[in-house]
Amino acid sequence: MKPESTTDWASAQDDLVTESTTEEMAQLKVKYSAQLKTLKDVFPDWTTEDLVYTLQEVNGDLDMATDRITGGNPVLPNLHSPDFLLRGEN
């Protein structure tokens, strides 16, 4: 008797979202590497992902990113992004 193989469609979709999100994050880290290093030095308590998304929102403008972080006008998380949903903060 052959063992049944089952595929959990939702799990497979989660894997695809995670892979594409990871690839996107890797590309953004490369794109904003210089700015990211500076922000990580200044804001060590922020996650790399949050800093990268902040930089993405301001098109890599280091001054605008810093102003948003310190000025009480932070970039709000995208409530529909795969990262936000995977972190379970919804």
C-alpha atoms as a PDB file:
ATOM      1  CA  MET A   1       0.000   0.000   0.000  1.00  0.00           C
ATOM      2  CA  LYS A   2       1.344   3.373  -1.035  1.00  0.00           C
ATOM      3  CA  PRO A   3       1.436   6.091   1.678  1.00  0.00           C
ATOM      4  CA  GLU A   4      -0.888   8.963   1.000  1.00  0.00           C
ATOM      5  CA  SER A   5       0.826  12.233   0.337  1.00  0.00           C
ATOM      6  CA  THR A   6      -1.078  15.302   1.350  1.00  0.00           C
ATOM      7  CA  THR A   7      -0.300  18.887   0.666  1.00  0.00           C
ATOM      8  CA  ASP A   8      -1.429  21.595   2.999  1.00  0.00           C
ATOM      9  CA  TRP A   9      -2.264  24.338   0.504  1.00  0.00           C
ATOM     10  CA  ALA A  10      -2.124  27.108   3.146  1.00  0.00           C
ATOM     11  CA  SER A  11       1.325  26.006   4.326  1.00  0.00           C
ATOM     12  CA  ALA A  12       2.580  25.913   0.759  1.00  0.00           C
ATOM     13  CA  GLN A  13       1.295  29.449   0.211  1.00  0.00           C
ATOM     14  CA  ASP A  14       2.970  30.628   3.431  1.00  0.00           C
ATOM     15  CA  ASP A  15       6.255  29.185   2.180  1.00  0.00           C
ATOM     16  CA  LEU A  16       5.884  31.079  -1.112  1.00  0.00           C
ATOM     17  CA  VAL A  17       5.106  34.347   0.710  1.00  0.00           C
ATOM     18  CA  THR A  18       8.068  33.872   3.031  1.00  0.00           C
ATOM     19  CA  GLU A  19      10.433  33.129   0.135  1.00  0.00           C
ATOM     20  CA  SER A  20       9.327  36.144  -1.900  1.00  0.00           C
ATOM     21  CA  THR A  21       9.396  38.388   1.166  1.00  0.00           C
ATOM     22  CA  THR A  22      12.859  37.177   2.071  1.00  0.00           C
ATOM     23  CA  GLU A  23      14.071  37.810  -1.469  1.00  0.00           C
ATOM     24  CA  GLU A  24      12.515  41.275  -1.494  1.00  0.00           C
ATOM     25  CA  MET A  25      14.067  42.081   1.890  1.00  0.00           C
ATOM     26  CA  ALA A  26      17.483  40.915   0.686  1.00  0.00           C
ATOM     27  CA  GLN A  27      17.223  43.171  -2.369  1.00  0.00           C
ATOM     28  CA  LEU A  28      16.184  46.160  -0.235  1.00  0.00           C
ATOM     29  CA  LYS A  29      19.042  45.555   2.202  1.00  0.00           C
ATOM     30  CA  VAL A  30      21.480  45.713  -0.701  1.00  0.00           C
ATOM     31  CA  LYS A  31      19.799  48.765  -2.210  1.00  0.00           C
ATOM     32  CA  TYR A  32      19.862  50.709   1.068  1.00  0.00           C
ATOM     33  CA  SER A  33      22.994  49.180   2.600  1.00  0.00           C
ATOM     34  CA  ALA A  34      24.815  52.471   3.300  1.00  0.00           C
ATOM     35  CA  GLN A  35      21.771  54.154   4.841  1.00  0.00           C
ATOM     36  CA  LEU A  36      20.841  51.006   6.740  1.00  0.00           C
ATOM     37  CA  LYS A  37      24.236  50.835   8.447  1.00  0.00           C
ATOM     38  CA  THR A  38      23.874  54.426   9.629  1.00  0.00           C
ATOM     39  CA  LEU A  39      20.333  53.889  10.911  1.00  0.00           C
ATOM     40  CA  LYS A  40      21.338  50.680  12.718  1.00  0.00           C
ATOM     41  CA  ASP A  41      24.116  52.585  14.496  1.00  0.00           C
ATOM     42  CA  VAL A  42      21.751  55.387  15.522  1.00  0.00           C
ATOM     43  CA  PHE A  43      18.692  53.225  16.308  1.00  0.00           C
ATOM     44  CA  PRO A  44      20.033  49.885  17.606  1.00  0.00           C
ATOM     45  CA  ASP A  45      16.662  48.928  19.133  1.00  0.00           C
ATOM     46  CA  TRP A  46      14.898  48.988  15.754  1.00  0.00           C
ATOM     47  CA  THR A  47      14.793  45.780  13.745  1.00  0.00           C
ATOM     48  CA  THR A  48      16.611  45.679  10.443  1.00  0.00           C
ATOM     49  CA  GLU A  49      13.331  44.980   8.678  1.00  0.00           C
ATOM     50  CA  ASP A  50      11.614  48.026  10.190  1.00  0.00           C
ATOM     51  CA  LEU A  51      14.547  50.241   9.227  1.00  0.00           C
ATOM     52  CA  VAL A  52      14.560  48.861   5.684  1.00  0.00           C
ATOM     53  CA  TYR A  53      10.819  49.457   5.307  1.00  0.00           C
ATOM     54  CA  THR A  54      11.261  52.993   6.642  1.00  0.00           C
ATOM     55  CA  LEU A  55      13.983  53.609   4.056  1.00  0.00           C
ATOM     56  CA  GLN A  56      11.790  52.158   1.342  1.00  0.00           C
ATOM     57  CA  GLU A  57       8.928  54.499   2.275  1.00  0.00           C
ATOM     58  CA  VAL A  58      11.191  57.549   1.950  1.00  0.00           C
ATOM     59  CA  ASN A  59      13.041  56.268  -1.142  1.00  0.00           C
ATOM     60  CA  GLY A  60      16.309  55.898   0.763  1.00  0.00           C
ATOM     61  CA  ASP A  61      16.418  59.485   2.043  1.00  0.00           C
ATOM     62  CA  LEU A  62      18.412  59.145   5.275  1.00  0.00           C
ATOM     63  CA  ASP A  63      17.361  62.539   6.646  1.00  0.00           C
ATOM     64  CA  MET A  64      13.669  61.839   6.060  1.00  0.00           C
ATOM     65  CA  ALA A  65      13.968  58.382   7.603  1.00  0.00           C
ATOM     66  CA  THR A  66      15.667  59.818  10.685  1.00  0.00           C
ATOM     67  CA  ASP A  67      13.051  62.574  10.957  1.00  0.00           C
ATOM     68  CA  ARG A  68      10.230  60.050  10.752  1.00  0.00           C
ATOM     69  CA  ILE A  69      11.777  57.850  13.417  1.00  0.00           C
ATOM     70  CA  THR A  70      12.645  60.641  15.850  1.00  0.00           C
ATOM     71  CA  GLY A  71       9.963  63.151  15.033  1.00  0.00           C
ATOM     72  CA  GLY A  72       7.023  61.085  16.109  1.00  0.00           C
ATOM     73  CA  ASN A  73       5.930  60.648  12.503  1.00  0.00           C
ATOM     74  CA  PRO A  74       7.122  57.086  11.875  1.00  0.00           C
ATOM     75  CA  VAL A  75       6.259  55.057   8.843  1.00  0.00           C
ATOM     76  CA  LEU A  76       3.293  52.943   9.831  1.00  0.00           C
ATOM     77  CA  PRO A  77       3.508  49.248   9.089  1.00  0.00           C
ATOM     78  CA  ASN A  78       1.674  48.010   6.068  1.00  0.00           C
ATOM     79  CA  LEU A  79      -1.087  45.993   7.719  1.00  0.00           C
ATOM     80  CA  HIS A  80      -1.468  43.875   4.601  1.00  0.00           C
ATOM     81  CA  SER A  81       2.199  43.092   4.049  1.00  0.00           C
ATOM     82  CA  PRO A  82       3.252  39.450   4.378  1.00  0.00           C
ATOM     83  CA  ASP A  83       5.898  40.406   6.971  1.00  0.00           C
ATOM     84  CA  PHE A  84       3.367  42.132   9.190  1.00  0.00           C
ATOM     85  CA  LEU A  85       0.952  39.242   8.920  1.00  0.00           C
ATOM     86  CA  LEU A  86       3.653  36.647   9.616  1.00  0.00           C
ATOM     87  CA  ARG A  87       4.777  38.502  12.760  1.00  0.00           C
ATOM     88  CA  GLY A  88       1.263  38.131  14.139  1.00  0.00           C
ATOM     89  CA  GLU A  89       0.882  41.759  15.108  1.00  0.00           C
ATOM     90  CA  ASN A  90      -2.475  42.251  13.454  1.00  0.00           C
END
